[in-house]
Amino acid sequence: MAVISALPPLALQAGANRVVQGVKIEHVCGDPSLPPDADRALRRSIVEQGLRALTTDVQSPTVFGGAG
């Protein structure tokens, strides 16, 4: 299972083997306090990291990158 989470330890405890670090609990894939272009770039970065996580072989639960 792969997830994007602002709280990676909880996702790992739930059994996720690939976790991408999100931004905030209320806005996991973005930051509405940023200007629209910067928020879009942040969201894109998180989703691209998620796609890389899905295509990466892992031997144990792994947290991928930070947001942004």
PDB file of N, CA and C in Angstrom:
ATOM      1  N   MET A   1       0.841  -1.159   0.000  1.00  0.00           N
ATOM      2  CA  MET A   1       0.000   0.000   0.000  1.00  0.00           C
ATOM      3  C   MET A   1       0.898   1.238   0.000  1.00  0.00           C
ATOM      4  N   ALA A   2       0.478   2.256  -0.724  1.00  0.00           N
ATOM      5  CA  ALA A   2       1.201   3.520  -0.765  1.00  0.00           C
ATOM      6  C   ALA A   2       0.245   4.640  -0.378  1.00  0.00           C
ATOM      7  N   VAL A   3       0.725   5.572   0.437  1.00  0.00           N
ATOM      8  CA  VAL A   3      -0.115   6.685   0.875  1.00  0.00           C
ATOM      9  C   VAL A   3       0.680   7.981   0.904  1.00  0.00           C
ATOM     10  N   ILE A   4      -0.051   9.090   0.805  1.00  0.00           N
ATOM     11  CA  ILE A   4       0.507  10.416   1.053  1.00  0.00           C
ATOM     12  C   ILE A   4      -0.062  10.830   2.399  1.00  0.00           C
ATOM     13  N   SER A   5       0.801  11.188   3.336  1.00  0.00           N
ATOM     14  CA  SER A   5       0.346  11.473   4.693  1.00  0.00           C
ATOM     15  C   SER A   5       1.169  12.589   5.320  1.00  0.00           C
ATOM     16  N   ALA A   6       0.475  13.427   6.086  1.00  0.00           N
ATOM     17  CA  ALA A   6       1.175  14.445   6.870  1.00  0.00           C
ATOM     18  C   ALA A   6       1.749  13.837   8.146  1.00  0.00           C
ATOM     19  N   LEU A   7       1.308  12.611   8.452  1.00  0.00           N
ATOM     20  CA  LEU A   7       1.768  11.913   9.660  1.00  0.00           C
ATOM     21  C   LEU A   7       2.306  10.535   9.275  1.00  0.00           C
ATOM     22  N   PRO A   8       3.507  10.478   8.707  1.00  0.00           N
ATOM     23  CA  PRO A   8       4.058   9.205   8.261  1.00  0.00           C
ATOM     24  C   PRO A   8       4.097   8.106   9.324  1.00  0.00           C
ATOM     25  N   PRO A   9       4.402   8.391  10.597  1.00  0.00           N
ATOM     26  CA  PRO A   9       4.411   7.296  11.567  1.00  0.00           C
ATOM     27  C   PRO A   9       3.062   6.577  11.672  1.00  0.00           C
ATOM     28  N   LEU A  10       1.966   7.319  11.570  1.00  0.00           N
ATOM     29  CA  LEU A  10       0.646   6.694  11.633  1.00  0.00           C
ATOM     30  C   LEU A  10       0.394   5.832  10.401  1.00  0.00           C
ATOM     31  N   ALA A  11       0.806   6.315   9.241  1.00  0.00           N
ATOM     32  CA  ALA A  11       0.640   5.535   8.015  1.00  0.00           C
ATOM     33  C   ALA A  11       1.457   4.249   8.079  1.00  0.00           C
ATOM     34  N   LEU A  12       2.656   4.328   8.627  1.00  0.00           N
ATOM     35  CA  LEU A  12       3.486   3.128   8.771  1.00  0.00           C
ATOM     36  C   LEU A  12       2.851   2.147   9.747  1.00  0.00           C
ATOM     37  N   GLN A  13       2.290   2.653  10.831  1.00  0.00           N
ATOM     38  CA  GLN A  13       1.623   1.785  11.802  1.00  0.00           C
ATOM     39  C   GLN A  13       0.400   1.112  11.196  1.00  0.00           C
ATOM     40  N   ALA A  14      -0.228   1.779  10.222  1.00  0.00           N
ATOM     41  CA  ALA A  14      -1.416   1.221   9.570  1.00  0.00           C
ATOM     42  C   ALA A  14      -1.042   0.182   8.517  1.00  0.00           C
ATOM     43  N   GLY A  15       0.254   0.025   8.252  1.00  0.00           N
ATOM     44  CA  GLY A  15       0.697  -1.013   7.335  1.00  0.00           C
ATOM     45  C   GLY A  15       1.122  -0.544   5.961  1.00  0.00           C
ATOM     46  N   ALA A  16       1.217   0.749   5.742  1.00  0.00           N
ATOM     47  CA  ALA A  16       1.674   1.249   4.441  1.00  0.00           C
ATOM     48  C   ALA A  16       3.155   0.912   4.268  1.00  0.00           C
ATOM     49  N   ASN A  17       3.538   0.459   3.086  1.00  0.00           N
ATOM     50  CA  ASN A  17       4.954   0.177   2.867  1.00  0.00           C
ATOM     51  C   ASN A  17       5.656   1.297   2.111  1.00  0.00           C
ATOM     52  N   ARG A  18       4.885   2.216   1.536  1.00  0.00           N
ATOM     53  CA  ARG A  18       5.435   3.403   0.876  1.00  0.00           C
ATOM     54  C   ARG A  18       4.627   4.604   1.362  1.00  0.00           C
ATOM     55  N   VAL A  19       5.313   5.565   1.981  1.00  0.00           N
ATOM     56  CA  VAL A  19       4.638   6.749   2.500  1.00  0.00           C
ATOM     57  C   VAL A  19       5.339   7.977   1.946  1.00  0.00           C
ATOM     58  N   VAL A  20       4.560   8.856   1.335  1.00  0.00           N
ATOM     59  CA  VAL A  20       5.088  10.134   0.856  1.00  0.00           C
ATOM     60  C   VAL A  20       4.694  11.190   1.876  1.00  0.00           C
ATOM     61  N   GLN A  21       5.664  11.968   2.310  1.00  0.00           N
ATOM     62  CA  GLN A  21       5.434  13.023   3.297  1.00  0.00           C
ATOM     63  C   GLN A  21       4.558  14.114   2.691  1.00  0.00           C
ATOM     64  N   GLY A  22       3.413  14.374   3.323  1.00  0.00           N
ATOM     65  CA  GLY A  22       2.526  15.451   2.904  1.00  0.00           C
ATOM     66  C   GLY A  22       2.838  16.726   3.667  1.00  0.00           C
ATOM     67  N   VAL A  23       1.967  17.725   3.497  1.00  0.00           N
ATOM     68  CA  VAL A  23       2.219  19.032   4.079  1.00  0.00           C
ATOM     69  C   VAL A  23       1.560  19.180   5.454  1.00  0.00           C
ATOM     70  N   LYS A  24       0.241  19.225   5.482  1.00  0.00           N
ATOM     71  CA  LYS A  24      -0.508  19.429   6.723  1.00  0.00           C
ATOM     72  C   LYS A  24      -1.665  18.440   6.765  1.00  0.00           C
ATOM     73  N   ILE A  25      -2.199  18.216   7.948  1.00  0.00           N
ATOM     74  CA  ILE A  25      -3.321  17.295   8.076  1.00  0.00           C
ATOM     75  C   ILE A  25      -4.502  17.780   7.247  1.00  0.00           C
ATOM     76  N   GLU A  26      -4.800  19.086   7.300  1.00  0.00           N
ATOM     77  CA  GLU A  26      -5.952  19.594   6.565  1.00  0.00           C
ATOM     78  C   GLU A  26      -5.709  19.740   5.066  1.00  0.00           C
ATOM     79  N   HIS A  27      -4.469  19.855   4.656  1.00  0.00           N
ATOM     80  CA  HIS A  27      -4.118  20.028   3.238  1.00  0.00           C
ATOM     81  C   HIS A  27      -2.894  19.172   2.947  1.00  0.00           C
ATOM     82  N   VAL A  28      -3.116  17.875   2.785  1.00  0.00           N
ATOM     83  CA  VAL A  28      -2.003  16.944   2.631  1.00  0.00           C
ATOM     84  C   VAL A  28      -1.209  17.217   1.357  1.00  0.00           C
ATOM     85  N   CYS A  29      -1.897  17.527   0.280  1.00  0.00           N
ATOM     86  CA  CYS A  29      -1.230  17.723  -1.027  1.00  0.00           C
ATOM     87  C   CYS A  29      -1.252  19.174  -1.462  1.00  0.00           C
ATOM     88  N   GLY A  30      -0.886  20.071  -0.596  1.00  0.00           N
ATOM     89  CA  GLY A  30      -0.832  21.471  -0.990  1.00  0.00           C
ATOM     90  C   GLY A  30      -0.831  22.383   0.216  1.00  0.00           C
ATOM     91  N   ASP A  31      -0.727  23.681  -0.065  1.00  0.00           N
ATOM     92  CA  ASP A  31      -0.722  24.691   0.982  1.00  0.00           C
ATOM     93  C   ASP A  31      -1.468  25.910   0.470  1.00  0.00           C
ATOM     94  N   PRO A  32      -2.749  26.074   0.820  1.00  0.00           N
ATOM     95  CA  PRO A  32      -3.538  27.180   0.297  1.00  0.00           C
ATOM     96  C   PRO A  32      -3.047  28.558   0.728  1.00  0.00           C
ATOM     97  N   SER A  33      -2.134  28.625   1.679  1.00  0.00           N
ATOM     98  CA  SER A  33      -1.593  29.919   2.073  1.00  0.00           C
ATOM     99  C   SER A  33      -0.542  30.420   1.086  1.00  0.00           C
ATOM    100  N   LEU A  34      -0.094  29.544   0.185  1.00  0.00           N
ATOM    101  CA  LEU A  34       0.868  29.938  -0.844  1.00  0.00           C
ATOM    102  C   LEU A  34       0.150  30.596  -2.011  1.00  0.00           C
ATOM    103  N   PRO A  35       0.872  31.401  -2.802  1.00  0.00           N
ATOM    104  CA  PRO A  35       0.277  31.919  -4.032  1.00  0.00           C
ATOM    105  C   PRO A  35      -0.125  30.738  -4.931  1.00  0.00           C
ATOM    106  N   PRO A  36      -1.140  30.916  -5.778  1.00  0.00           N
ATOM    107  CA  PRO A  36      -1.639  29.801  -6.600  1.00  0.00           C
ATOM    108  C   PRO A  36      -0.565  29.048  -7.382  1.00  0.00           C
ATOM    109  N   ASP A  37       0.368  29.738  -7.985  1.00  0.00           N
ATOM    110  CA  ASP A  37       1.415  29.059  -8.762  1.00  0.00           C
ATOM    111  C   ASP A  37       2.319  28.214  -7.868  1.00  0.00           C
ATOM    112  N   ALA A  38       2.664  28.737  -6.701  1.00  0.00           N
ATOM    113  CA  ALA A  38       3.522  27.988  -5.781  1.00  0.00           C
ATOM    114  C   ALA A  38       2.778  26.778  -5.203  1.00  0.00           C
ATOM    115  N   ASP A  39       1.493  26.941  -4.910  1.00  0.00           N
ATOM    116  CA  ASP A  39       0.690  25.825  -4.406  1.00  0.00           C
ATOM    117  C   ASP A  39       0.592  24.732  -5.466  1.00  0.00           C
ATOM    118  N   ARG A  40       0.372  25.120  -6.704  1.00  0.00           N
ATOM    119  CA  ARG A  40       0.295  24.151  -7.802  1.00  0.00           C
ATOM    120  C   ARG A  40       1.611  23.394  -7.953  1.00  0.00           C
ATOM    121  N   ALA A  41       2.724  24.111  -7.863  1.00  0.00           N
ATOM    122  CA  ALA A  41       4.042  23.472  -7.982  1.00  0.00           C
ATOM    123  C   ALA A  41       4.272  22.498  -6.823  1.00  0.00           C
ATOM    124  N   LEU A  42       3.857  22.876  -5.621  1.00  0.00           N
ATOM    125  CA  LEU A  42       3.995  22.001  -4.455  1.00  0.00           C
ATOM    126  C   LEU A  42       3.157  20.737  -4.627  1.00  0.00           C
ATOM    127  N   ARG A  43       1.903  20.905  -5.040  1.00  0.00           N
ATOM    128  CA  ARG A  43       1.035  19.737  -5.252  1.00  0.00           C
ATOM    129  C   ARG A  43       1.625  18.809  -6.298  1.00  0.00           C
ATOM    130  N   ARG A  44       2.130  19.390  -7.384  1.00  0.00           N
ATOM    131  CA  ARG A  44       2.721  18.576  -8.445  1.00  0.00           C
ATOM    132  C   ARG A  44       3.929  17.792  -7.927  1.00  0.00           C
ATOM    133  N   SER A  45       4.756  18.463  -7.135  1.00  0.00           N
ATOM    134  CA  SER A  45       5.940  17.826  -6.570  1.00  0.00           C
ATOM    135  C   SER A  45       5.553  16.629  -5.690  1.00  0.00           C
ATOM    136  N   ILE A  46       4.528  16.798  -4.882  1.00  0.00           N
ATOM    137  CA  ILE A  46       4.097  15.718  -3.991  1.00  0.00           C
ATOM    138  C   ILE A  46       3.555  14.543  -4.802  1.00  0.00           C
ATOM    139  N   VAL A  47       2.737  14.828  -5.808  1.00  0.00           N
ATOM    140  CA  VAL A  47       2.171  13.755  -6.632  1.00  0.00           C
ATOM    141  C   VAL A  47       3.277  13.044  -7.420  1.00  0.00           C
ATOM    142  N   GLU A  48       4.245  13.794  -7.959  1.00  0.00           N
ATOM    143  CA  GLU A  48       5.362  13.160  -8.677  1.00  0.00           C
ATOM    144  C   GLU A  48       6.173  12.273  -7.735  1.00  0.00           C
ATOM    145  N   GLN A  49       6.366  12.718  -6.495  1.00  0.00           N
ATOM    146  CA  GLN A  49       7.079  11.891  -5.518  1.00  0.00           C
ATOM    147  C   GLN A  49       6.290  10.618  -5.254  1.00  0.00           C
ATOM    148  N   GLY A  50       4.971  10.729  -5.191  1.00  0.00           N
ATOM    149  CA  GLY A  50       4.128   9.558  -5.009  1.00  0.00           C
ATOM    150  C   GLY A  50       4.264   8.567  -6.153  1.00  0.00           C
ATOM    151  N   LEU A  51       4.317   9.076  -7.368  1.00  0.00           N
ATOM    152  CA  LEU A  51       4.495   8.198  -8.531  1.00  0.00           C
ATOM    153  C   LEU A  51       5.854   7.509  -8.495  1.00  0.00           C
ATOM    154  N   ARG A  52       6.893   8.253  -8.084  1.00  0.00           N
ATOM    155  CA  ARG A  52       8.219   7.634  -7.941  1.00  0.00           C
ATOM    156  C   ARG A  52       8.186   6.560  -6.862  1.00  0.00           C
ATOM    157  N   ALA A  53       7.465   6.825  -5.774  1.00  0.00           N
ATOM    158  CA  ALA A  53       7.374   5.836  -4.689  1.00  0.00           C
ATOM    159  C   ALA A  53       6.726   4.552  -5.193  1.00  0.00           C
ATOM    160  N   LEU A  54       5.699   4.674  -6.020  1.00  0.00           N
ATOM    161  CA  LEU A  54       5.012   3.491  -6.533  1.00  0.00           C
ATOM    162  C   LEU A  54       5.892   2.642  -7.449  1.00  0.00           C
ATOM    163  N   THR A  55       6.855   3.279  -8.095  1.00  0.00           N
ATOM    164  CA  THR A  55       7.710   2.546  -9.036  1.00  0.00           C
ATOM    165  C   THR A  55       9.041   2.126  -8.423  1.00  0.00           C
ATOM    166  N   THR A  56       9.235   2.410  -7.142  1.00  0.00           N
ATOM    167  CA  THR A  56      10.473   2.062  -6.453  1.00  0.00           C
ATOM    168  C   THR A  56      10.292   0.760  -5.681  1.00  0.00           C
ATOM    169  N   ASP A  57      11.217  -0.163  -5.886  1.00  0.00           N
ATOM    170  CA  ASP A  57      11.203  -1.395  -5.098  1.00  0.00           C
ATOM    171  C   ASP A  57      11.648  -1.088  -3.673  1.00  0.00           C
ATOM    172  N   VAL A  58      10.892  -1.567  -2.704  1.00  0.00           N
ATOM    173  CA  VAL A  58      11.253  -1.376  -1.301  1.00  0.00           C
ATOM    174  C   VAL A  58      11.296  -2.726  -0.607  1.00  0.00           C
ATOM    175  N   GLN A  59      12.205  -2.869   0.322  1.00  0.00           N
ATOM    176  CA  GLN A  59      12.339  -4.098   1.089  1.00  0.00           C
ATOM    177  C   GLN A  59      11.668  -3.999   2.454  1.00  0.00           C
ATOM    178  N   SER A  60      11.446  -2.773   2.897  1.00  0.00           N
ATOM    179  CA  SER A  60      10.800  -2.526   4.183  1.00  0.00           C
ATOM    180  C   SER A  60      10.012  -1.216   4.067  1.00  0.00           C
ATOM    181  N   PRO A  61       9.158  -0.907   5.012  1.00  0.00           N
ATOM    182  CA  PRO A  61       8.413   0.345   4.947  1.00  0.00           C
ATOM    183  C   PRO A  61       9.350   1.531   4.768  1.00  0.00           C
ATOM    184  N   THR A  62       8.992   2.417   3.839  1.00  0.00           N
ATOM    185  CA  THR A  62       9.876   3.508   3.460  1.00  0.00           C
ATOM    186  C   THR A  62       9.092   4.813   3.378  1.00  0.00           C
ATOM    187  N   VAL A  63       9.662   5.885   3.932  1.00  0.00           N
ATOM    188  CA  VAL A  63       9.084   7.230   3.813  1.00  0.00           C
ATOM    189  C   VAL A  63       9.862   7.946   2.720  1.00  0.00           C
ATOM    190  N   PHE A  64       9.136   8.484   1.754  1.00  0.00           N
ATOM    191  CA  PHE A  64       9.745   9.182   0.634  1.00  0.00           C
ATOM    192  C   PHE A  64       9.649  10.680   0.809  1.00  0.00           C
ATOM    193  N   GLY A  65      10.814  11.313   0.744  1.00  0.00           N
ATOM    194  CA  GLY A  65      10.964  12.756   0.677  1.00  0.00           C
ATOM    195  C   GLY A  65      10.093  13.605   1.552  1.00  0.00           C
ATOM    196  N   GLY A  66      10.444  14.869   1.577  1.00  0.00           N
ATOM    197  CA  GLY A  66       9.614  15.872   2.222  1.00  0.00           C
ATOM    198  C   GLY A  66       8.830  16.598   1.160  1.00  0.00           C
ATOM    199  N   ALA A  67       7.806  17.274   1.570  1.00  0.00           N
ATOM    200  CA  ALA A  67       6.995  18.050   0.633  1.00  0.00           C
ATOM    201  C   ALA A  67       7.806  19.248   0.169  1.00  0.00           C
ATOM    202  N   GLY A  68       7.660  19.507  -1.101  1.00  0.00           N
ATOM    203  CA  GLY A  68       8.280  20.688  -1.679  1.00  0.00           C
ATOM    204  C   GLY A  68       9.687  20.570  -2.042  1.00  0.00           C
TER     205      GLY A  68
END
